[in-house]
Amino acid sequence: MKKILLMGNPNVGKSVFFNRLTGANVIESNYPGTTVDYAKGYMKVSSELYIGPCSKCAEREENTEDFEIIDVPGTFSLEPKDKAEEIAVKMLEGEKGALVICVIDASKMERGLYLCLEIIERGYPVVLALNMWDVAEDKNMQIDVEKLKSVLNIPVVPTIAISGKGFKEVVLSIKKAASVGVNEIMEKVGEIK
């Protein structure tokens, strides 16, 4: 079964994101030897469309792929400053074959993009979810999603976790996610006028 790690800064809506993807099929655990908790659940995806939490799709088994979703503790960077961040880094390092959905607060992009770039730098395929898109819009922020996709060379999707906006697009982007070289990103940044 393929694994997807949900990563992001604390308080960006990761847990709401996780609950939307997995429904009630959730296992809460402590990371071994700690009091830091994380959650894992499961999701099925069809080749044509997002089906949803495993509990809702027993009748549509053909042409689906199962994913284990892990809600990693929030972290600001991959250089840990506390126990929760240390666990987040260990969980990432322990899942070399995983895909990462990096959930960031669209109204505070610079903070979230730092973590996203660190994850990309480590060679993981990434889907970037610009969560709290409604908050960014309320602040009249102009975010050029197409340019961000072009520069980062990863799927970038505006989302609103509490309403479910953008979730189908995020899930459909999973198959498009691939590892990207940081040098490639730097070249594209240099081309921006």
C-alpha atoms as a PDB file:
ATOM      1  CA  MET A   1       0.000   0.000   0.000  1.00  0.00           C
ATOM      2  CA  LYS A   2       1.341   3.417  -0.920  1.00  0.00           C
ATOM      3  CA  LYS A   3       1.809   6.004   1.815  1.00  0.00           C
ATOM      4  CA  ILE A   4       1.006   9.694   1.821  1.00  0.00           C
ATOM      5  CA  LEU A   5       2.417  11.941   4.528  1.00  0.00           C
ATOM      6  CA  LEU A   6       0.454  15.101   5.324  1.00  0.00           C
ATOM      7  CA  MET A   7       3.026  17.649   6.406  1.00  0.00           C
ATOM      8  CA  GLY A   8       2.874  21.330   7.228  1.00  0.00           C
ATOM      9  CA  ASN A   9       3.326  23.953   9.888  1.00  0.00           C
ATOM     10  CA  PRO A  10       1.157  23.753  13.011  1.00  0.00           C
ATOM     11  CA  ASN A  11      -2.339  25.272  12.646  1.00  0.00           C
ATOM     12  CA  VAL A  12      -2.675  25.161   8.852  1.00  0.00           C
ATOM     13  CA  GLY A  13      -5.694  22.837   8.793  1.00  0.00           C
ATOM     14  CA  LYS A  14      -3.775  19.582   8.346  1.00  0.00           C
ATOM     15  CA  SER A  15      -6.037  17.613  10.696  1.00  0.00           C
ATOM     16  CA  VAL A  16      -9.190  18.851   8.956  1.00  0.00           C
ATOM     17  CA  PHE A  17      -7.513  17.941   5.656  1.00  0.00           C
ATOM     18  CA  PHE A  18      -6.710  14.489   7.049  1.00  0.00           C
ATOM     19  CA  ASN A  19     -10.277  13.933   8.274  1.00  0.00           C
ATOM     20  CA  ARG A  20     -11.707  14.893   4.866  1.00  0.00           C
ATOM     21  CA  LEU A  21      -9.459  12.378   3.102  1.00  0.00           C
ATOM     22  CA  THR A  22      -9.917   9.482   5.527  1.00  0.00           C
ATOM     23  CA  GLY A  23     -13.366   9.960   7.074  1.00  0.00           C
ATOM     24  CA  ALA A  24     -13.920   8.083  10.326  1.00  0.00           C
ATOM     25  CA  ASN A  25     -11.452   5.303   9.467  1.00  0.00           C
ATOM     26  CA  VAL A  26      -8.679   6.703  11.697  1.00  0.00           C
ATOM     27  CA  ILE A  27      -6.095   5.219  14.065  1.00  0.00           C
ATOM     28  CA  GLU A  28      -4.618   7.572  16.695  1.00  0.00           C
ATOM     29  CA  SER A  29      -1.169   6.594  18.032  1.00  0.00           C
ATOM     30  CA  ASN A  30       1.785   7.910  19.929  1.00  0.00           C
ATOM     31  CA  TYR A  31       5.122   7.835  18.173  1.00  0.00           C
ATOM     32  CA  PRO A  32       7.051   4.982  19.901  1.00  0.00           C
ATOM     33  CA  GLY A  33       8.708   6.091  23.128  1.00  0.00           C
ATOM     34  CA  THR A  34       7.043   9.536  23.185  1.00  0.00           C
ATOM     35  CA  THR A  35       3.826  11.340  24.048  1.00  0.00           C
ATOM     36  CA  VAL A  36       3.716  12.945  20.582  1.00  0.00           C
ATOM     37  CA  ASP A  37       0.642  11.657  18.783  1.00  0.00           C
ATOM     38  CA  TYR A  38      -0.170  11.272  15.113  1.00  0.00           C
ATOM     39  CA  ALA A  39      -3.047   9.795  13.161  1.00  0.00           C
ATOM     40  CA  LYS A  40      -3.239   7.423  10.244  1.00  0.00           C
ATOM     41  CA  GLY A  41      -6.138   6.421   8.080  1.00  0.00           C
ATOM     42  CA  TYR A  42      -6.919   5.043   4.662  1.00  0.00           C
ATOM     43  CA  MET A  43      -8.289   6.265   1.351  1.00  0.00           C
ATOM     44  CA  LYS A  44      -9.107   4.718  -2.019  1.00  0.00           C
ATOM     45  CA  VAL A  45      -8.562   6.522  -5.304  1.00  0.00           C
ATOM     46  CA  SER A  46      -9.931   5.494  -8.673  1.00  0.00           C
ATOM     47  CA  SER A  47      -7.906   6.165 -11.807  1.00  0.00           C
ATOM     48  CA  GLU A  48     -10.634   8.571 -12.957  1.00  0.00           C
ATOM     49  CA  LEU A  49     -11.872  10.178  -9.766  1.00  0.00           C
ATOM     50  CA  TYR A  50     -11.477  10.546  -6.048  1.00  0.00           C
ATOM     51  CA  ILE A  51     -13.648   8.032  -4.214  1.00  0.00           C
ATOM     52  CA  GLY A  52     -12.929   8.963  -0.612  1.00  0.00           C
ATOM     53  CA  PRO A  53     -12.476   7.234   2.708  1.00  0.00           C
ATOM     54  CA  CYS A  54     -12.225   3.446   2.430  1.00  0.00           C
ATOM     55  CA  SER A  55     -15.355   2.954   4.511  1.00  0.00           C
ATOM     56  CA  LYS A  56     -17.474   4.524   1.750  1.00  0.00           C
ATOM     57  CA  CYS A  57     -16.245   2.648  -1.302  1.00  0.00           C
ATOM     58  CA  ALA A  58     -16.551  -1.095  -0.814  1.00  0.00           C
ATOM     59  CA  GLU A  59     -18.805  -1.358  -3.862  1.00  0.00           C
ATOM     60  CA  ARG A  60     -16.200   0.202  -6.205  1.00  0.00           C
ATOM     61  CA  GLU A  61     -13.125  -1.986  -5.715  1.00  0.00           C
ATOM     62  CA  GLU A  62     -12.095  -2.348  -9.372  1.00  0.00           C
ATOM     63  CA  ASN A  63      -9.546   0.132 -10.744  1.00  0.00           C
ATOM     64  CA  THR A  64      -8.848   1.653  -7.345  1.00  0.00           C
ATOM     65  CA  GLU A  65      -5.647   2.205  -5.437  1.00  0.00           C
ATOM     66  CA  ASP A  66      -5.346   2.123  -1.647  1.00  0.00           C
ATOM     67  CA  PHE A  67      -3.361   4.731   0.260  1.00  0.00           C
ATOM     68  CA  GLU A  68      -2.356   4.962   3.891  1.00  0.00           C
ATOM     69  CA  ILE A  69      -2.530   8.606   4.981  1.00  0.00           C
ATOM     70  CA  ILE A  70      -0.372   9.717   7.919  1.00  0.00           C
ATOM     71  CA  ASP A  71      -0.998  13.070   9.632  1.00  0.00           C
ATOM     72  CA  VAL A  72       2.542  13.987  10.671  1.00  0.00           C
ATOM     73  CA  PRO A  73       2.953  16.366  13.653  1.00  0.00           C
ATOM     74  CA  GLY A  74       3.258  20.004  12.578  1.00  0.00           C
ATOM     75  CA  THR A  75       6.742  21.374  11.969  1.00  0.00           C
ATOM     76  CA  PHE A  76       8.187  24.654  10.747  1.00  0.00           C
ATOM     77  CA  SER A  77      11.289  23.063   9.239  1.00  0.00           C
ATOM     78  CA  LEU A  78      13.243  19.839   8.938  1.00  0.00           C
ATOM     79  CA  GLU A  79      15.743  21.208  11.461  1.00  0.00           C
ATOM     80  CA  PRO A  80      13.784  20.302  14.619  1.00  0.00           C
ATOM     81  CA  LYS A  81      13.502  22.698  17.536  1.00  0.00           C
ATOM     82  CA  ASP A  82      11.259  20.547  19.774  1.00  0.00           C
ATOM     83  CA  LYS A  83      10.120  16.945  20.279  1.00  0.00           C
ATOM     84  CA  ALA A  84       7.136  17.167  17.893  1.00  0.00           C
ATOM     85  CA  GLU A  85       9.338  18.547  15.099  1.00  0.00           C
ATOM     86  CA  GLU A  86      11.933  15.865  15.827  1.00  0.00           C
ATOM     87  CA  ILE A  87       9.236  13.190  15.421  1.00  0.00           C
ATOM     88  CA  ALA A  88       7.998  14.808  12.196  1.00  0.00           C
ATOM     89  CA  VAL A  89      11.498  14.605  10.709  1.00  0.00           C
ATOM     90  CA  LYS A  90      11.922  10.985  11.847  1.00  0.00           C
ATOM     91  CA  MET A  91       8.577  10.046  10.302  1.00  0.00           C
ATOM     92  CA  LEU A  92       9.569  11.660   6.998  1.00  0.00           C
ATOM     93  CA  GLU A  93      12.979   9.985   6.989  1.00  0.00           C
ATOM     94  CA  GLY A  94      11.374   6.635   7.821  1.00  0.00           C
ATOM     95  CA  GLU A  95       9.094   6.740   4.771  1.00  0.00           C
ATOM     96  CA  LYS A  96      11.507   7.158   1.841  1.00  0.00           C
ATOM     97  CA  GLY A  97       8.977   5.904  -0.726  1.00  0.00           C
ATOM     98  CA  ALA A  98       6.110   8.107   0.450  1.00  0.00           C
ATOM     99  CA  LEU A  99       4.478  10.985  -1.343  1.00  0.00           C
ATOM    100  CA  VAL A 100       4.050  14.193   0.677  1.00  0.00           C
ATOM    101  CA  ILE A 101       1.047  16.477   0.559  1.00  0.00           C
ATOM    102  CA  CYS A 102       2.476  19.682   1.955  1.00  0.00           C
ATOM    103  CA  VAL A 103      -0.403  21.677   3.445  1.00  0.00           C
ATOM    104  CA  ILE A 104       0.400  25.352   3.891  1.00  0.00           C
ATOM    105  CA  ASP A 105      -1.568  28.414   4.968  1.00  0.00           C
ATOM    106  CA  ALA A 106      -2.097  30.340   1.710  1.00  0.00           C
ATOM    107  CA  SER A 107      -2.184  33.612   3.679  1.00  0.00           C
ATOM    108  CA  LYS A 108       1.297  32.924   5.127  1.00  0.00           C
ATOM    109  CA  MET A 109       2.964  31.294   2.144  1.00  0.00           C
ATOM    110  CA  GLU A 110       6.582  32.178   2.848  1.00  0.00           C
ATOM    111  CA  ARG A 111       6.483  30.243   6.120  1.00  0.00           C
ATOM    112  CA  GLY A 112       4.999  27.127   4.503  1.00  0.00           C
ATOM    113  CA  LEU A 113       7.066  27.275   1.320  1.00  0.00           C
ATOM    114  CA  TYR A 114      10.254  27.013   3.388  1.00  0.00           C
ATOM    115  CA  LEU A 115       9.170  23.585   4.683  1.00  0.00           C
ATOM    116  CA  CYS A 116       7.891  22.540   1.256  1.00  0.00           C
ATOM    117  CA  LEU A 117      11.258  23.348  -0.355  1.00  0.00           C
ATOM    118  CA  GLU A 118      13.089  21.381   2.341  1.00  0.00           C
ATOM    119  CA  ILE A 119      10.908  18.345   1.593  1.00  0.00           C
ATOM    120  CA  ILE A 120      11.479  18.733  -2.161  1.00  0.00           C
ATOM    121  CA  GLU A 121      15.222  19.058  -1.513  1.00  0.00           C
ATOM    122  CA  ARG A 122      15.170  15.650   0.207  1.00  0.00           C
ATOM    123  CA  GLY A 123      13.809  14.056  -2.956  1.00  0.00           C
ATOM    124  CA  TYR A 124      10.180  13.372  -2.064  1.00  0.00           C
ATOM    125  CA  PRO A 125       7.378  13.753  -4.604  1.00  0.00           C
ATOM    126  CA  VAL A 126       5.181  16.612  -3.348  1.00  0.00           C
ATOM    127  CA  VAL A 127       1.701  17.978  -3.919  1.00  0.00           C
ATOM    128  CA  LEU A 128       1.373  21.503  -2.521  1.00  0.00           C
ATOM    129  CA  ALA A 129      -2.033  22.310  -1.016  1.00  0.00           C
ATOM    130  CA  LEU A 130      -2.542  26.056  -0.550  1.00  0.00           C
ATOM    131  CA  ASN A 131      -5.033  25.671   2.283  1.00  0.00           C
ATOM    132  CA  MET A 132      -7.069  28.478   3.825  1.00  0.00           C
ATOM    133  CA  TRP A 133      -7.420  29.908   0.324  1.00  0.00           C
ATOM    134  CA  ASP A 134     -10.509  31.806   1.524  1.00  0.00           C
ATOM    135  CA  VAL A 135      -8.420  33.590   4.180  1.00  0.00           C
ATOM    136  CA  ALA A 136      -5.884  34.653   1.525  1.00  0.00           C
ATOM    137  CA  GLU A 137      -8.732  35.929  -0.672  1.00  0.00           C
ATOM    138  CA  ASP A 138     -10.254  37.834   2.274  1.00  0.00           C
ATOM    139  CA  LYS A 139      -6.879  39.562   2.697  1.00  0.00           C
ATOM    140  CA  ASN A 140      -6.898  40.432  -1.034  1.00  0.00           C
ATOM    141  CA  MET A 141      -3.738  38.418  -1.595  1.00  0.00           C
ATOM    142  CA  GLN A 142      -2.899  37.687  -5.217  1.00  0.00           C
ATOM    143  CA  ILE A 143      -1.280  34.263  -5.618  1.00  0.00           C
ATOM    144  CA  ASP A 144      -0.263  33.168  -9.096  1.00  0.00           C
ATOM    145  CA  VAL A 145      -0.905  29.432  -8.794  1.00  0.00           C
ATOM    146  CA  GLU A 146       0.146  28.723 -12.389  1.00  0.00           C
ATOM    147  CA  LYS A 147       3.500  30.474 -11.908  1.00  0.00           C
ATOM    148  CA  LEU A 148       4.050  28.600  -8.644  1.00  0.00           C
ATOM    149  CA  LYS A 149       3.339  25.295 -10.443  1.00  0.00           C
ATOM    150  CA  SER A 150       5.735  26.262 -13.202  1.00  0.00           C
ATOM    151  CA  VAL A 151       8.572  27.307 -10.885  1.00  0.00           C
ATOM    152  CA  LEU A 152       8.271  24.425  -8.409  1.00  0.00           C
ATOM    153  CA  ASN A 153       7.362  21.885 -11.104  1.00  0.00           C
ATOM    154  CA  ILE A 154       4.925  20.187  -8.713  1.00  0.00           C
ATOM    155  CA  PRO A 155       1.127  20.112  -8.506  1.00  0.00           C
ATOM    156  CA  VAL A 156      -0.171  23.184  -6.624  1.00  0.00           C
ATOM    157  CA  VAL A 157      -3.826  23.280  -5.594  1.00  0.00           C
ATOM    158  CA  PRO A 158      -5.793  25.986  -3.728  1.00  0.00           C
ATOM    159  CA  THR A 159      -7.883  24.348  -0.992  1.00  0.00           C
ATOM    160  CA  ILE A 160     -10.330  25.142   1.769  1.00  0.00           C
ATOM    161  CA  ALA A 161     -10.274  22.139   4.101  1.00  0.00           C
ATOM    162  CA  ILE A 162     -13.357  23.068   6.093  1.00  0.00           C
ATOM    163  CA  SER A 163     -15.537  23.147   2.945  1.00  0.00           C
ATOM    164  CA  GLY A 164     -13.706  20.517   0.897  1.00  0.00           C
ATOM    165  CA  LYS A 165     -12.845  22.931  -1.931  1.00  0.00           C
ATOM    166  CA  GLY A 166      -9.959  21.643  -4.036  1.00  0.00           C
ATOM    167  CA  PHE A 167      -9.865  18.129  -2.570  1.00  0.00           C
ATOM    168  CA  LYS A 168     -10.750  16.307  -5.754  1.00  0.00           C
ATOM    169  CA  GLU A 169      -7.940  18.202  -7.518  1.00  0.00           C
ATOM    170  CA  VAL A 170      -5.439  17.366  -4.752  1.00  0.00           C
ATOM    171  CA  VAL A 171      -6.252  13.670  -4.926  1.00  0.00           C
ATOM    172  CA  LEU A 172      -6.123  13.616  -8.720  1.00  0.00           C
ATOM    173  CA  SER A 173      -2.715  15.357  -8.502  1.00  0.00           C
ATOM    174  CA  ILE A 174      -1.222  12.464  -6.540  1.00  0.00           C
ATOM    175  CA  LYS A 175      -0.397  10.596  -9.746  1.00  0.00           C
ATOM    176  CA  LYS A 176       1.290  13.708 -11.205  1.00  0.00           C
ATOM    177  CA  ALA A 177       3.636  14.229  -8.257  1.00  0.00           C
ATOM    178  CA  ALA A 178       7.285  13.404  -8.905  1.00  0.00           C
ATOM    179  CA  SER A 179      10.618  14.215  -7.331  1.00  0.00           C
ATOM    180  CA  VAL A 180      12.064  17.527  -8.478  1.00  0.00           C
ATOM    181  CA  GLY A 181      15.642  18.779  -8.272  1.00  0.00           C
ATOM    182  CA  VAL A 182      16.252  21.961  -6.314  1.00  0.00           C
ATOM    183  CA  ASN A 183      18.693  23.112  -9.017  1.00  0.00           C
ATOM    184  CA  GLU A 184      15.857  22.942 -11.537  1.00  0.00           C
ATOM    185  CA  ILE A 185      13.733  25.153  -9.269  1.00  0.00           C
ATOM    186  CA  MET A 186      16.609  27.616  -8.799  1.00  0.00           C
ATOM    187  CA  GLU A 187      17.031  27.926 -12.568  1.00  0.00           C
ATOM    188  CA  LYS A 188      13.335  28.731 -12.955  1.00  0.00           C
ATOM    189  CA  VAL A 189      13.490  31.279 -10.133  1.00  0.00           C
ATOM    190  CA  GLY A 190      16.392  32.952 -11.951  1.00  0.00           C
ATOM    191  CA  GLU A 191      14.231  33.243 -15.085  1.00  0.00           C
ATOM    192  CA  ILE A 192      11.427  35.160 -13.314  1.00  0.00           C
ATOM    193  CA  LYS A 193      11.296  38.775 -14.355  1.00  0.00           C
END
